[in-house]
Protein backbone atom coordinates (compact mmCIF):
# COMPACT_ATOMS: atom_id res chain seq x y z
CA MET A 1 -7.26 -10.05 16.26
CA LYS A 2 -9.76 -7.96 13.63
CA ARG A 3 -9.07 -4.37 12.57
CA TYR A 4 -12.02 -2.20 10.95
CA PHE A 5 -11.81 0.79 9.06
CA THR A 6 -13.80 3.02 7.70
CA LYS A 7 -13.99 5.67 5.17
CA GLU A 8 -16.56 8.56 4.85
CA LEU A 9 -18.70 8.86 1.70
CA ASP A 10 -20.15 12.14 0.44
CA GLN A 11 -23.68 11.48 -0.43
CA ASP A 12 -25.14 9.99 3.10
CA SER A 13 -24.34 8.88 6.77
CA LYS A 14 -22.98 5.28 5.45
CA LYS A 15 -19.45 5.17 5.49
CA LEU A 16 -17.25 2.75 3.47
CA PHE A 17 -16.45 -0.29 5.75
CA LEU A 18 -13.34 -2.69 5.88
CA GLU A 19 -13.47 -5.88 8.70
CA LEU A 20 -9.90 -6.94 8.19
CA GLU A 21 -7.88 -9.80 9.88
CA GLN A 22 -4.22 -8.55 10.73
CA THR A 23 -3.17 -10.88 8.07
CA ASP A 24 -5.32 -9.35 5.12
CA ILE A 25 -3.10 -6.44 5.92
CA GLU A 26 0.01 -5.60 4.07
CA GLN A 27 3.26 -3.19 5.03
CA LYS A 28 4.66 -1.77 1.66
CA VAL A 29 6.99 1.28 1.14
CA GLU A 30 6.77 3.37 -1.47
CA MET A 31 10.00 3.40 -4.59
CA ALA A 32 8.98 6.40 -6.29
CA GLY A 33 12.31 8.47 -6.85
CA LEU A 34 14.76 5.60 -5.47
CA VAL A 35 17.53 3.97 -6.96
CA TYR A 36 17.56 0.37 -5.32
CA CYS A 37 20.00 -2.57 -5.21
CA THR A 38 20.16 -5.80 -3.38
CA ASP A 39 24.15 -6.07 -4.01
CA ILE A 40 26.04 -2.24 -3.76
CA ASN A 41 29.07 -4.10 -6.00
CA ASP A 42 26.70 -6.14 -8.24
CA ILE A 43 25.31 -3.76 -11.17
CA ASN A 44 22.96 -6.28 -12.18
CA THR A 45 20.89 -5.67 -9.13
CA TYR A 46 20.18 -2.34 -9.80
CA ASN A 47 16.46 -0.67 -10.31
CA TYR A 48 15.28 2.43 -10.41
CA GLU A 49 11.63 4.08 -10.27
CA THR A 50 11.05 7.66 -11.56
CA ALA A 51 9.09 10.11 -9.28
CA GLY A 52 6.54 9.81 -11.48
CA TYR A 53 6.10 5.99 -11.56
CA SER A 54 4.56 4.48 -8.61
CA ARG A 55 5.71 0.78 -7.34
CA SER A 56 5.40 -0.49 -4.03
CA LEU A 57 7.16 -3.60 -2.16
CA PRO A 58 6.46 -5.38 0.23
CA LEU A 59 8.54 -4.03 3.54
CA SER A 60 9.79 -7.63 3.96
CA GLU A 61 11.37 -6.99 0.46
CA ALA A 62 12.58 -3.60 1.23
CA GLU A 63 14.19 -3.83 4.13
CA VAL A 64 17.25 -5.94 2.26
CA LEU A 65 17.70 -3.70 -0.25
CA THR A 66 20.07 -0.69 0.02
CA TYR A 67 18.55 2.80 -1.78
CA ALA A 68 19.27 6.16 -2.74
CA ASP A 69 17.05 9.03 -4.05
CA VAL A 70 17.07 9.12 -7.79
CA ASP A 71 18.66 12.53 -8.04
CA LEU A 72 21.70 11.77 -6.85
CA PHE A 73 22.48 10.18 -9.94
CA GLU A 74 23.75 11.29 -13.75
CA ILE A 75 20.83 10.80 -16.19
CA ASP A 76 23.19 8.96 -18.80
CA THR A 77 23.96 6.70 -15.66
CA LEU A 78 20.13 5.75 -15.38
CA SER A 79 19.73 5.37 -19.15
CA GLY A 80 22.83 3.11 -19.16
CA LEU A 81 20.69 0.79 -16.46
CA ASP A 82 18.10 0.75 -18.73
CA CYS A 83 19.66 -0.77 -21.80
CA GLY A 84 22.06 -2.95 -19.27
CA PHE A 85 25.14 -0.53 -20.14
CA ALA A 86 25.47 -2.78 -23.32
CA ASP A 87 25.98 -0.14 -25.90
CA ASP A 88 27.73 2.32 -24.07
CA GLU A 89 31.20 2.91 -24.53
CA ASP A 90 31.29 5.04 -21.17
CA ALA A 91 29.70 1.96 -19.36
CA GLU A 92 32.41 1.17 -17.03
CA TYR A 93 32.63 5.01 -15.98
CA LEU A 94 28.62 4.61 -15.73
CA LYS A 95 29.19 1.39 -13.61
CA ALA A 96 31.43 2.87 -11.58
CA ASN A 97 30.16 6.54 -11.34
CA MET A 98 26.76 4.37 -9.81
CA ILE A 99 28.35 1.71 -7.14
CA ALA A 100 30.52 4.92 -5.80
CA THR A 101 27.14 6.88 -5.50
CA MET A 102 25.60 4.15 -3.65
CA LYS A 103 28.48 3.61 -1.74
CA GLN A 104 28.83 7.15 -0.48
CA LYS A 105 25.13 7.95 -0.06
CA GLY A 106 23.19 4.95 0.03
CA LYS A 107 21.12 4.03 3.12
CA SER A 108 19.91 0.70 4.40
CA GLY A 109 16.39 -0.37 2.88
CA GLU A 110 15.28 -0.66 6.72
CA GLU A 111 14.93 3.19 6.95
CA LEU A 112 12.20 3.43 4.57
CA GLU A 113 8.72 4.38 5.42
CA SER A 114 6.12 2.01 5.26
CA PHE A 115 2.20 1.84 5.18
CA GLU A 116 -0.70 -0.51 5.01
CA VAL A 117 -2.31 -1.91 2.36
CA TYR A 118 -5.30 -4.06 1.80
CA GLU A 119 -5.02 -5.96 -1.77
CA TYR A 120 -8.06 -8.00 -2.72
CA TRP A 121 -9.64 -9.46 -5.89
CA ASP A 122 -13.02 -7.77 -7.28
CA GLY A 123 -13.58 -10.34 -9.11
CA SER A 124 -11.74 -9.29 -12.10
CA ASN A 125 -9.00 -7.50 -11.29
CA TRP A 126 -6.93 -6.74 -8.12
CA LYS A 127 -7.24 -3.53 -6.22
CA THR A 128 -5.39 -1.94 -3.38
CA ILE A 129 -6.40 0.15 -0.88
CA SER A 130 -3.92 2.09 1.30
CA LEU A 131 -5.19 2.90 4.49
CA ASN A 132 -2.89 4.91 5.72
CA TYR A 133 0.35 6.41 3.72
CA TYR A 134 2.91 8.60 5.51
CA ASP A 135 2.97 11.60 3.19
CA GLU A 136 -1.15 11.44 2.73
CA ASP A 137 -4.58 11.43 3.63
CA THR A 138 -5.80 8.35 2.50
CA GLY A 139 -9.69 9.07 3.93
CA TRP A 140 -9.46 5.63 5.57
CA GLU A 141 -10.27 5.61 10.03
CA GLU A 142 -9.25 2.81 11.93
CA GLU A 143 -12.29 2.38 13.99
CA THR A 144 -10.60 -1.36 15.78
CA GLU A 145 -12.07 0.14 19.25
CA VAL A 146 -15.36 1.21 18.08
CA PHE A 147 -16.18 -2.48 16.34
CA GLN A 148 -13.66 -4.41 18.80
CA ASP A 149 -16.82 -6.05 20.60
CA ILE A 150 -19.43 -5.95 17.52
CA VAL A 151 -22.11 -8.04 17.75
CA LEU A 152 -24.24 -9.88 15.09
CA ILE A 153 -27.75 -9.48 16.36
CA ASP A 154 -30.08 -10.14 13.11
CA SER A 155 -29.35 -10.12 9.15
CA ASP A 156 -31.70 -9.68 6.33
CA LYS A 157 -31.04 -11.04 2.73
CA TYR A 158 -32.41 -9.10 -0.36
CA ASP A 159 -32.25 -9.66 -4.00
CA PHE A 160 -28.81 -7.60 -4.42
CA ARG A 161 -27.66 -7.03 -0.83
CA ILE A 162 -27.51 -8.64 2.38
CA GLU A 163 -27.92 -6.33 5.57
CA ARG A 164 -26.22 -6.84 8.64
CA HIS A 165 -27.33 -5.53 12.21
CA TYR A 166 -24.81 -5.09 15.03
CA LYS A 167 -24.69 -4.05 18.70
CA LEU A 168 -22.08 -2.24 19.40
CA ALA A 169 -20.14 -2.50 22.87
CA ASP A 170 -21.40 1.47 23.71
CA GLY A 171 -25.28 0.62 23.02
CA ARG A 172 -25.51 2.32 19.84
CA GLU A 173 -26.81 -0.14 16.50
CA ALA A 174 -25.27 -0.42 13.31
CA THR A 175 -26.47 -1.70 10.01
CA GLU A 176 -23.51 -3.02 7.60
CA THR A 177 -24.74 -3.31 3.98
CA GLN A 178 -22.94 -5.87 1.52
CA SER A 179 -23.93 -5.21 -1.95
CA PHE A 180 -23.73 -8.80 -4.35
CA TYR A 181 -22.46 -6.24 -7.38
CA GLN A 182 -19.05 -7.32 -8.07
CA GLY A 183 -16.34 -5.51 -6.69
CA SER A 184 -18.47 -3.67 -4.53
CA LEU A 185 -16.96 -2.62 -0.44
CA SER A 186 -19.72 -3.27 2.18
CA GLN A 187 -20.95 0.13 3.61
CA ILE A 188 -21.85 0.57 7.60
CA GLU A 189 -24.59 2.92 9.03
CA ILE A 190 -24.11 3.67 13.01
CA LYS A 191 -27.22 4.80 14.46
CA GLY A 192 -27.81 6.83 17.24
């Protein structure tokens, strides 16, 4: 089943427009501000992301992790994790402290909140669009119901764009404009 998303543009009545297959959409989990591991007893599987750093993982990868808030750990412990505890004379204490904290306060990765993203190659770079995010408004609205039974009635090709004209289930018409410029997203205007 296709899913459709739009995002308001400031300048006119057109909206950014995404027509996506369900397989184009990925569930992700934000790892910022978390210490996480695949095996509580093996310090070599531990990693962390500070609150100012943004790293997301696919939900399928995050579900197998155990995690806890960075704030629960001493800064020396996290610093030791960065350098592999190699030069720290208190390495065993720091390792034990980290493992004990994770055992006491760690949670299953299945409890992390997920959000949907669309990732695409724009011709020179990978781009990520957050379609929804549990903590903020991304501006993207799902309008699958509006476009569910969309029917292509005509199209026009110009030098730098193509326009597709659709009929919506409620009788209104819409024009999708796809620019040929690299990295540009489609825009749609609903008339009536």
